[in-house]
PDB file of N, CA and C in Angstrom:
ATOM      1  N   MET A   1       0.905  -1.116   0.132  1.00  0.00           N
ATOM      2  CA  MET A   1      -0.010   0.339   0.025  1.00  0.00           C
ATOM      3  C   MET A   1       0.843   1.185  -0.027  1.00  0.00           C
ATOM      4  N   ALA A   2       0.104   2.167  -0.698  1.00  0.00           N
ATOM      5  CA  ALA A   2       1.275   3.626  -1.114  1.00  0.00           C
ATOM      6  C   ALA A   2       0.505   4.293   0.419  1.00  0.00           C
ATOM      7  N   SER A   3       1.748   5.029   1.096  1.00  0.00           N
ATOM      8  CA  SER A   3       1.528   5.563   2.466  1.00  0.00           C
ATOM      9  C   SER A   3       0.814   7.214   1.345  1.00  0.00           C
ATOM     10  N   ALA A   4      -0.253   7.499   2.245  1.00  0.00           N
ATOM     11  CA  ALA A   4      -0.911   8.991   2.404  1.00  0.00           C
ATOM     12  C   ALA A   4       0.175  10.085   3.289  1.00  0.00           C
ATOM     13  N   GLU A   5      -0.037  11.291   2.850  1.00  0.00           N
ATOM     14  CA  GLU A   5       0.341  12.138   3.412  1.00  0.00           C
ATOM     15  C   GLU A   5      -0.731  13.480   3.330  1.00  0.00           C
ATOM     16  N   GLN A   6      -0.864  14.262   4.306  1.00  0.00           N
ATOM     17  CA  GLN A   6      -2.250  15.059   4.615  1.00  0.00           C
ATOM     18  C   GLN A   6      -0.772  16.323   5.812  1.00  0.00           C
ATOM     19  N   GLN A   7      -0.747  16.964   4.738  1.00  0.00           N
ATOM     20  CA  GLN A   7      -0.340  19.000   5.386  1.00  0.00           C
ATOM     21  C   GLN A   7      -1.573  19.587   5.959  1.00  0.00           C
ATOM     22  N   ALA A   8      -1.042  19.668   7.059  1.00  0.00           N
ATOM     23  CA  ALA A   8      -1.620  20.448   8.402  1.00  0.00           C
ATOM     24  C   ALA A   8      -1.502  21.889   7.976  1.00  0.00           C
ATOM     25  N   SER A   9      -2.643  22.545   8.017  1.00  0.00           N
ATOM     26  CA  SER A   9      -2.733  24.377   6.792  1.00  0.00           C
ATOM     27  C   SER A   9      -1.708  24.919   8.458  1.00  0.00           C
ATOM     28  N   THR A  10      -2.448  24.477   9.561  1.00  0.00           N
ATOM     29  CA  THR A  10      -2.066  25.090  10.967  1.00  0.00           C
ATOM     30  C   THR A  10      -0.297  25.675  11.258  1.00  0.00           C
ATOM     31  N   ASN A  11       0.293  24.117  11.409  1.00  0.00           N
ATOM     32  CA  ASN A  11       1.693  24.715  11.610  1.00  0.00           C
ATOM     33  C   ASN A  11       2.528  24.150  10.678  1.00  0.00           C
ATOM     34  N   GLY A  12       2.366  24.012   9.514  1.00  0.00           N
ATOM     35  CA  GLY A  12       3.006  23.427   8.079  1.00  0.00           C
ATOM     36  C   GLY A  12       3.657  21.748   8.365  1.00  0.00           C
ATOM     37  N   THR A  13       3.242  20.947   9.359  1.00  0.00           N
ATOM     38  CA  THR A  13       3.701  19.473   9.858  1.00  0.00           C
ATOM     39  C   THR A  13       2.993  18.792   8.697  1.00  0.00           C
ATOM     40  N   VAL A  14       3.291  17.649   8.537  1.00  0.00           N
ATOM     41  CA  VAL A  14       2.900  16.523   7.453  1.00  0.00           C
ATOM     42  C   VAL A  14       2.831  15.389   8.484  1.00  0.00           C
ATOM     43  N   GLU A  15       1.334  14.803   8.013  1.00  0.00           N
ATOM     44  CA  GLU A  15       1.088  13.640   9.219  1.00  0.00           C
ATOM     45  C   GLU A  15       1.114  12.392   8.189  1.00  0.00           C
ATOM     46  N   GLN A  16       1.071  11.433   8.261  1.00  0.00           N
ATOM     47  CA  GLN A  16       1.485  10.032   7.567  1.00  0.00           C
ATOM     48  C   GLN A  16       0.683   8.622   7.472  1.00  0.00           C
ATOM     49  N   PHE A  17      -0.276   8.326   6.930  1.00  0.00           N
ATOM     50  CA  PHE A  17      -0.838   7.460   7.385  1.00  0.00           C
ATOM     51  C   PHE A  17      -1.093   6.126   6.490  1.00  0.00           C
ATOM     52  N   ASP A  18      -0.799   4.877   6.571  1.00  0.00           N
ATOM     53  CA  ASP A  18      -0.724   4.052   5.652  1.00  0.00           C
ATOM     54  C   ASP A  18      -2.032   4.174   4.869  1.00  0.00           C
ATOM     55  N   VAL A  19      -3.517   4.321   5.553  1.00  0.00           N
ATOM     56  CA  VAL A  19      -4.239   3.759   4.369  1.00  0.00           C
ATOM     57  C   VAL A  19      -5.722   5.569   4.747  1.00  0.00           C
ATOM     58  N   ILE A  20      -5.950   5.807   4.162  1.00  0.00           N
ATOM     59  CA  ILE A  20      -7.327   6.933   4.135  1.00  0.00           C
ATOM     60  C   ILE A  20      -8.369   6.304   3.896  1.00  0.00           C
ATOM     61  N   VAL A  21      -9.320   6.392   4.761  1.00  0.00           N
ATOM     62  CA  VAL A  21     -10.803   6.003   4.088  1.00  0.00           C
ATOM     63  C   VAL A  21     -11.723   7.108   3.486  1.00  0.00           C
ATOM     64  N   ILE A  22     -12.584   6.887   2.768  1.00  0.00           N
ATOM     65  CA  ILE A  22     -13.190   8.356   2.351  1.00  0.00           C
ATOM     66  C   ILE A  22     -14.767   7.653   2.827  1.00  0.00           C
ATOM     67  N   GLY A  23     -15.819   8.030   3.937  1.00  0.00           N
ATOM     68  CA  GLY A  23     -17.111   7.864   4.158  1.00  0.00           C
ATOM     69  C   GLY A  23     -16.782   6.774   5.096  1.00  0.00           C
ATOM     70  N   ALA A  24     -17.900   7.588   6.595  1.00  0.00           N
ATOM     71  CA  ALA A  24     -18.001   6.923   7.704  1.00  0.00           C
ATOM     72  C   ALA A  24     -19.367   5.777   7.496  1.00  0.00           C
ATOM     73  N   GLY A  25     -20.009   5.449   6.587  1.00  0.00           N
ATOM     74  CA  GLY A  25     -20.836   4.548   6.604  1.00  0.00           C
ATOM     75  C   GLY A  25     -20.546   2.990   7.444  1.00  0.00           C
ATOM     76  N   VAL A  26     -21.636   2.115   6.735  1.00  0.00           N
ATOM     77  CA  VAL A  26     -21.033   0.717   7.542  1.00  0.00           C
ATOM     78  C   VAL A  26     -19.795   0.131   7.442  1.00  0.00           C
ATOM     79  N   ILE A  27     -19.558   0.345   6.241  1.00  0.00           N
ATOM     80  CA  ILE A  27     -18.531  -0.138   5.351  1.00  0.00           C
ATOM     81  C   ILE A  27     -17.284   0.578   5.837  1.00  0.00           C
ATOM     82  N   GLY A  28     -17.069   1.884   5.550  1.00  0.00           N
ATOM     83  CA  GLY A  28     -15.973   2.734   6.062  1.00  0.00           C
ATOM     84  C   GLY A  28     -15.793   2.358   6.993  1.00  0.00           C
ATOM     85  N   LEU A  29     -16.580   2.332   8.213  1.00  0.00           N
ATOM     86  CA  LEU A  29     -16.383   2.120   9.837  1.00  0.00           C
ATOM     87  C   LEU A  29     -15.126   0.676   9.918  1.00  0.00           C
ATOM     88  N   TYR A  30     -16.445  -0.582   9.313  1.00  0.00           N
ATOM     89  CA  TYR A  30     -15.955  -1.387   9.085  1.00  0.00           C
ATOM     90  C   TYR A  30     -14.413  -1.620   8.865  1.00  0.00           C
ATOM     91  N   GLN A  31     -14.240  -0.638   7.777  1.00  0.00           N
ATOM     92  CA  GLN A  31     -12.953  -0.687   7.179  1.00  0.00           C
ATOM     93  C   GLN A  31     -11.964  -0.444   7.986  1.00  0.00           C
ATOM     94  N   LEU A  32     -12.135   1.161   8.786  1.00  0.00           N
ATOM     95  CA  LEU A  32     -11.426   1.394   9.743  1.00  0.00           C
ATOM     96  C   LEU A  32     -10.870   0.279  11.232  1.00  0.00           C
ATOM     97  N   TYR A  33     -12.041  -0.351  11.707  1.00  0.00           N
ATOM     98  CA  TYR A  33     -11.771  -1.075  12.284  1.00  0.00           C
ATOM     99  C   TYR A  33     -10.801  -2.231  12.412  1.00  0.00           C
ATOM    100  N   ARG A  34     -11.033  -3.215  11.056  1.00  0.00           N
ATOM    101  CA  ARG A  34      -9.748  -3.821  10.573  1.00  0.00           C
ATOM    102  C   ARG A  34      -8.758  -3.802  10.182  1.00  0.00           C
ATOM    103  N   LEU A  35      -9.194  -2.199   9.585  1.00  0.00           N
ATOM    104  CA  LEU A  35      -7.219  -1.950   9.840  1.00  0.00           C
ATOM    105  C   LEU A  35      -6.362  -1.704  10.039  1.00  0.00           C
ATOM    106  N   ARG A  36      -7.068  -1.176  11.730  1.00  0.00           N
ATOM    107  CA  ARG A  36      -6.407  -0.268  12.782  1.00  0.00           C
ATOM    108  C   ARG A  36      -6.403  -1.810  13.731  1.00  0.00           C
ATOM    109  N   LYS A  37      -7.116  -2.830  13.718  1.00  0.00           N
ATOM    110  CA  LYS A  37      -6.548  -3.919  13.687  1.00  0.00           C
ATOM    111  C   LYS A  37      -5.581  -4.825  13.394  1.00  0.00           C
ATOM    112  N   MET A  38      -5.124  -4.699  12.527  1.00  0.00           N
ATOM    113  CA  MET A  38      -3.902  -4.526  11.461  1.00  0.00           C
ATOM    114  C   MET A  38      -2.728  -4.360  11.513  1.00  0.00           C
ATOM    115  N   GLY A  39      -2.727  -3.390  12.510  1.00  0.00           N
ATOM    116  CA  GLY A  39      -1.847  -2.281  13.278  1.00  0.00           C
ATOM    117  C   GLY A  39      -1.074  -0.645  12.211  1.00  0.00           C
ATOM    118  N   LEU A  40      -2.382  -0.775  11.339  1.00  0.00           N
ATOM    119  CA  LEU A  40      -1.924  -0.253   9.909  1.00  0.00           C
ATOM    120  C   LEU A  40      -2.670   1.972  11.286  1.00  0.00           C
ATOM    121  N   SER A  41      -1.474   2.616  10.482  1.00  0.00           N
ATOM    122  CA  SER A  41      -2.019   4.051  10.636  1.00  0.00           C
ATOM    123  C   SER A  41      -3.562   4.283   9.703  1.00  0.00           C
ATOM    124  N   VAL A  42      -4.324   4.609  10.306  1.00  0.00           N
ATOM    125  CA  VAL A  42      -5.562   5.209   9.216  1.00  0.00           C
ATOM    126  C   VAL A  42      -6.187   6.354   9.687  1.00  0.00           C
ATOM    127  N   ARG A  43      -6.743   7.215   8.714  1.00  0.00           N
ATOM    128  CA  ARG A  43      -7.567   8.332   8.852  1.00  0.00           C
ATOM    129  C   ARG A  43      -9.064   8.047   8.188  1.00  0.00           C
ATOM    130  N   LEU A  44     -10.292   8.690   8.459  1.00  0.00           N
ATOM    131  CA  LEU A  44     -11.821   8.467   8.407  1.00  0.00           C
ATOM    132  C   LEU A  44     -11.756  10.167   8.036  1.00  0.00           C
ATOM    133  N   TYR A  45     -12.261   9.959   7.155  1.00  0.00           N
ATOM    134  CA  TYR A  45     -13.241  11.025   6.474  1.00  0.00           C
ATOM    135  C   TYR A  45     -14.595  10.864   6.194  1.00  0.00           C
ATOM    136  N   GLU A  46     -15.596  12.331   6.149  1.00  0.00           N
ATOM    137  CA  GLU A  46     -16.886  11.725   6.311  1.00  0.00           C
ATOM    138  C   GLU A  46     -17.352  13.601   6.440  1.00  0.00           C
ATOM    139  N   ASP A  47     -17.902  13.793   4.911  1.00  0.00           N
ATOM    140  CA  ASP A  47     -18.797  14.948   4.796  1.00  0.00           C
ATOM    141  C   ASP A  47     -19.762  15.320   5.053  1.00  0.00           C
ATOM    142  N   GLY A  48     -20.403  14.598   5.449  1.00  0.00           N
ATOM    143  CA  GLY A  48     -21.531  14.618   6.327  1.00  0.00           C
ATOM    144  C   GLY A  48     -21.739  15.003   7.907  1.00  0.00           C
ATOM    145  N   SER A  49     -22.642  15.194   8.618  1.00  0.00           N
ATOM    146  CA  SER A  49     -22.487  15.695  10.329  1.00  0.00           C
ATOM    147  C   SER A  49     -22.902  14.285  10.975  1.00  0.00           C
ATOM    148  N   GLY A  50     -23.033  13.041  10.167  1.00  0.00           N
ATOM    149  CA  GLY A  50     -23.199  11.634  10.997  1.00  0.00           C
ATOM    150  C   GLY A  50     -22.554  10.190  10.376  1.00  0.00           C
ATOM    151  N   VAL A  51     -22.546   9.471  11.421  1.00  0.00           N
ATOM    152  CA  VAL A  51     -21.733   8.352  10.795  1.00  0.00           C
ATOM    153  C   VAL A  51     -23.190   6.957  10.699  1.00  0.00           C
ATOM    154  N   GLY A  52     -22.477   6.252  10.491  1.00  0.00           N
ATOM    155  CA  GLY A  52     -23.116   5.206  10.422  1.00  0.00           C
ATOM    156  C   GLY A  52     -23.968   4.755   9.632  1.00  0.00           C
TER     157      GLY A  52
END
């Protein structure tokens, strides 16, 4: 897997994640759970106001 990078606009630091999940629906949350259980660093993004 390619490493994903995100630059924080406030202080110029770069955060690195193994995986970025788009969408906090049922599948996105399950992927987050499984990937973290595998020891990967994961960031989840959701555009809406709720999850699930």
